[in-house]
Amino acid sequence: MWALCEIDKLANSPPFGPNPMWLLDFLQNLSLTTMFLAILAIGLALCWIIILLIRLGVRCFGLDPKIPLPIRDTLIDSISAIFALMMAFSAAGIWNDISQANTAIQRESNALENVLALARSLPADLSEKMREVVNSYARQVLRRDWPAMASKIPVDDPIYEASDRLLVDLVNTVSGEQIAYCLAPNGRPAACTNY
């Protein structure tokens, strides 16, 4: 049994440190211009290394160095194809991230609109309080949460708790009002089936 556990550990452990894809992760987190320059530099370095290896191979095997080898055109074509693929995959990733962000923003906006629409059916003082809390939440998200997300602050950071607390307090207030309404002597039993 011990041997099976050790084999499983070896099979599931990464071959070279914690992340064998560190270069791709590094490149993907760069800005588009910096990534272009980095890939260009890496591609040129690889081209020169391959050209030097071919020149050494030509000398070692005794071939005539004056005869041109069609290696340069092949290298340029392959490096161009690799660069085009990297740019396409990066653009697809960026497009996907933007699409997911827009979807999340639209979902949150719709949820806030639904809360405001439901608030109209509540008593005037509670409706006004809900509108104030929703507006305060929206302002706080714009002022604090979005800049924090842009700065890549983790989502478990306390900076996000203030806006979350606004919504939790709103839910507690509305729930308390609903319970008080249902427990009142003139409460409507049909609306209070859960209490």
Protein backbone atom coordinates (compact mmCIF):
# COMPACT_ATOMS: atom_id res chain seq x y z
CA MET A 1 0.00 0.00 0.00
CA TRP A 2 2.84 2.39 0.85
CA ALA A 3 4.41 1.80 -2.58
CA LEU A 4 1.14 2.68 -4.33
CA CYS A 5 0.93 5.97 -2.41
CA GLU A 6 4.50 6.87 -3.36
CA ILE A 7 3.87 6.05 -7.02
CA ASP A 8 0.72 8.19 -6.94
CA LYS A 9 2.68 11.10 -5.42
CA LEU A 10 5.34 10.84 -8.12
CA ALA A 11 2.75 10.57 -10.89
CA ASN A 12 0.85 13.64 -9.69
CA SER A 13 3.82 15.83 -8.80
CA PRO A 14 5.00 18.41 -11.35
CA PRO A 15 8.27 17.50 -13.08
CA PHE A 16 10.14 20.80 -12.62
CA GLY A 17 9.13 22.65 -9.48
CA PRO A 18 5.66 23.83 -8.57
CA ASN A 19 4.64 25.14 -12.01
CA PRO A 20 6.23 23.84 -15.22
CA MET A 21 4.28 26.45 -17.25
CA TRP A 22 5.84 29.41 -15.44
CA LEU A 23 7.06 31.05 -18.65
CA LEU A 24 3.62 30.98 -20.27
CA ASP A 25 2.00 32.25 -17.07
CA PHE A 26 4.56 35.05 -16.93
CA LEU A 27 4.01 36.01 -20.58
CA GLN A 28 0.23 35.94 -20.30
CA ASN A 29 0.27 38.42 -17.41
CA LEU A 30 2.26 41.00 -19.38
CA SER A 31 0.71 43.85 -21.28
CA LEU A 32 0.25 43.22 -25.00
CA THR A 33 3.18 45.43 -26.04
CA THR A 34 5.52 43.93 -23.45
CA MET A 35 4.41 40.41 -24.39
CA PHE A 36 5.11 41.18 -28.06
CA LEU A 37 8.63 42.37 -27.25
CA ALA A 38 9.28 39.44 -24.91
CA ILE A 39 8.14 36.86 -27.46
CA LEU A 40 10.13 38.60 -30.17
CA ALA A 41 13.26 38.51 -27.98
CA ILE A 42 12.71 34.86 -27.07
CA GLY A 43 12.09 34.00 -30.72
CA LEU A 44 15.23 35.81 -31.89
CA ALA A 45 17.30 34.14 -29.18
CA LEU A 46 16.00 30.73 -30.21
CA CYS A 47 16.69 31.54 -33.88
CA TRP A 48 20.28 32.48 -33.15
CA ILE A 49 20.81 29.39 -31.01
CA ILE A 50 19.45 27.16 -33.79
CA ILE A 51 21.54 28.95 -36.44
CA LEU A 52 24.68 28.55 -34.32
CA LEU A 53 23.95 24.87 -33.77
CA ILE A 54 23.47 24.38 -37.52
CA ARG A 55 26.71 26.18 -38.31
CA LEU A 56 28.55 24.02 -35.79
CA GLY A 57 26.88 20.94 -37.29
CA VAL A 58 27.91 21.97 -40.82
CA ARG A 59 31.54 22.34 -39.69
CA CYS A 60 31.53 19.11 -37.68
CA PHE A 61 30.13 17.05 -40.56
CA GLY A 62 32.51 18.60 -43.08
CA LEU A 63 29.86 20.15 -45.33
CA ASP A 64 30.69 23.13 -47.52
CA PRO A 65 29.71 26.25 -45.52
CA LYS A 66 29.38 28.31 -48.73
CA ILE A 67 26.32 26.36 -49.86
CA PRO A 68 23.26 28.19 -48.48
CA LEU A 69 20.91 26.17 -46.33
CA PRO A 70 17.20 27.03 -46.44
CA ILE A 71 17.07 27.11 -42.64
CA ARG A 72 16.60 30.84 -42.19
CA ASP A 73 13.31 31.00 -44.13
CA THR A 74 11.99 27.97 -42.28
CA LEU A 75 12.88 29.48 -38.92
CA ILE A 76 11.29 32.81 -39.73
CA ASP A 77 8.10 31.09 -40.91
CA SER A 78 7.89 28.86 -37.83
CA ILE A 79 8.63 31.70 -35.39
CA SER A 80 6.01 33.86 -37.13
CA ALA A 81 3.45 31.05 -36.82
CA ILE A 82 4.27 30.58 -33.12
CA PHE A 83 3.96 34.32 -32.51
CA ALA A 84 0.63 34.47 -34.36
CA LEU A 85 -0.71 31.57 -32.30
CA MET A 86 0.44 33.16 -29.04
CA MET A 87 -1.22 36.45 -29.99
CA ALA A 88 -4.43 34.67 -31.02
CA PHE A 89 -4.63 32.70 -27.77
CA SER A 90 -3.84 35.80 -25.73
CA ALA A 91 -6.48 37.80 -27.56
CA ALA A 92 -9.00 35.00 -26.99
CA GLY A 93 -8.14 34.94 -23.28
CA ILE A 94 -8.45 38.71 -22.99
CA TRP A 95 -11.75 38.66 -24.89
CA ASN A 96 -13.05 35.90 -22.59
CA ASP A 97 -12.02 37.84 -19.47
CA ILE A 98 -13.75 41.00 -20.72
CA SER A 99 -16.87 39.03 -21.60
CA GLN A 100 -17.00 37.43 -18.14
CA ALA A 101 -16.48 40.82 -16.47
CA ASN A 102 -19.28 42.37 -18.53
CA THR A 103 -21.58 39.46 -17.66
CA ALA A 104 -20.83 39.83 -13.94
CA ILE A 105 -21.42 43.58 -14.07
CA GLN A 106 -24.70 43.11 -15.93
CA ARG A 107 -25.84 40.43 -13.45
CA GLU A 108 -25.08 42.69 -10.48
CA SER A 109 -26.77 45.65 -12.15
CA ASN A 110 -29.88 43.57 -12.86
CA ALA A 111 -29.95 42.35 -9.25
CA LEU A 112 -29.78 45.93 -7.95
CA GLU A 113 -32.55 46.99 -10.36
CA ASN A 114 -34.69 44.09 -9.11
CA VAL A 115 -34.13 45.16 -5.50
CA LEU A 116 -35.15 48.72 -6.35
CA ALA A 117 -38.24 47.47 -8.21
CA LEU A 118 -39.24 45.32 -5.23
CA ALA A 119 -38.61 48.23 -2.87
CA ARG A 120 -41.45 50.17 -4.51
CA SER A 121 -43.95 47.67 -3.15
CA LEU A 122 -42.80 48.13 0.47
CA PRO A 123 -43.87 50.83 2.92
CA ALA A 124 -42.46 54.27 2.09
CA ASP A 125 -39.90 54.45 4.91
CA LEU A 126 -38.50 50.97 4.16
CA SER A 127 -38.55 51.63 0.42
CA GLU A 128 -36.56 54.85 0.90
CA LYS A 129 -34.08 53.05 3.18
CA MET A 130 -33.59 50.31 0.57
CA ARG A 131 -32.97 52.89 -2.17
CA GLU A 132 -30.40 54.65 0.02
CA VAL A 133 -28.61 51.39 0.85
CA VAL A 134 -28.56 50.26 -2.81
CA ASN A 135 -27.21 53.64 -3.94
CA SER A 136 -24.63 53.61 -1.17
CA TYR A 137 -23.61 50.07 -2.16
CA ALA A 138 -23.25 51.06 -5.83
CA ARG A 139 -21.12 54.09 -4.94
CA GLN A 140 -18.93 52.03 -2.64
CA VAL A 141 -18.42 49.34 -5.26
CA LEU A 142 -17.37 51.97 -7.80
CA ARG A 143 -15.10 53.84 -5.36
CA ARG A 144 -13.48 50.92 -3.51
CA ASP A 145 -14.20 47.47 -4.87
CA TRP A 146 -13.50 48.00 -8.56
CA PRO A 147 -10.20 49.86 -8.00
CA ALA A 148 -9.22 47.09 -5.55
CA MET A 149 -10.02 44.46 -8.18
CA ALA A 150 -8.03 46.42 -10.76
CA SER A 151 -5.09 46.39 -8.32
CA LYS A 152 -5.50 42.58 -8.07
CA ILE A 153 -6.25 42.63 -4.34
CA PRO A 154 -7.51 39.15 -3.35
CA VAL A 155 -11.27 38.78 -2.89
CA ASP A 156 -10.89 37.75 0.77
CA ASP A 157 -9.33 41.11 1.63
CA PRO A 158 -11.23 43.19 4.25
CA ILE A 159 -11.70 46.04 1.77
CA TYR A 160 -14.62 44.12 0.20
CA GLU A 161 -16.34 43.49 3.53
CA ALA A 162 -17.73 47.04 3.78
CA SER A 163 -19.88 46.70 0.66
CA ASP A 164 -20.88 43.15 1.61
CA ARG A 165 -21.89 44.40 5.05
CA LEU A 166 -24.25 46.96 3.44
CA LEU A 167 -26.13 44.22 1.62
CA VAL A 168 -26.23 41.89 4.64
CA ASP A 169 -27.63 44.71 6.77
CA LEU A 170 -30.23 45.42 4.09
CA VAL A 171 -31.32 41.76 4.02
CA ASN A 172 -31.51 41.69 7.80
CA THR A 173 -33.59 44.89 7.86
CA VAL A 174 -36.03 43.65 5.22
CA SER A 175 -36.30 40.25 6.93
CA GLY A 176 -36.95 41.92 10.28
CA GLU A 177 -39.65 44.11 8.73
CA GLN A 178 -41.27 41.06 7.13
CA ILE A 179 -41.30 39.18 10.43
CA ALA A 180 -42.71 42.22 12.25
CA TYR A 181 -45.39 42.60 9.58
CA CYS A 182 -46.38 38.93 9.82
CA LEU A 183 -46.49 39.00 13.63
CA ALA A 184 -48.64 42.12 13.73
CA PRO A 185 -52.29 41.52 14.67
CA ASN A 186 -53.53 42.80 11.32
CA GLY A 187 -50.94 40.83 9.29
CA ARG A 188 -52.08 38.94 6.20
CA PRO A 189 -51.76 35.17 6.69
CA ALA A 190 -51.36 34.50 2.95
CA ALA A 191 -48.21 36.64 2.81
CA CYS A 192 -46.78 35.12 5.98
CA THR A 193 -46.91 31.38 5.32
CA ASN A 194 -43.23 30.91 6.21
CA TYR A 195 -43.52 32.52 9.66
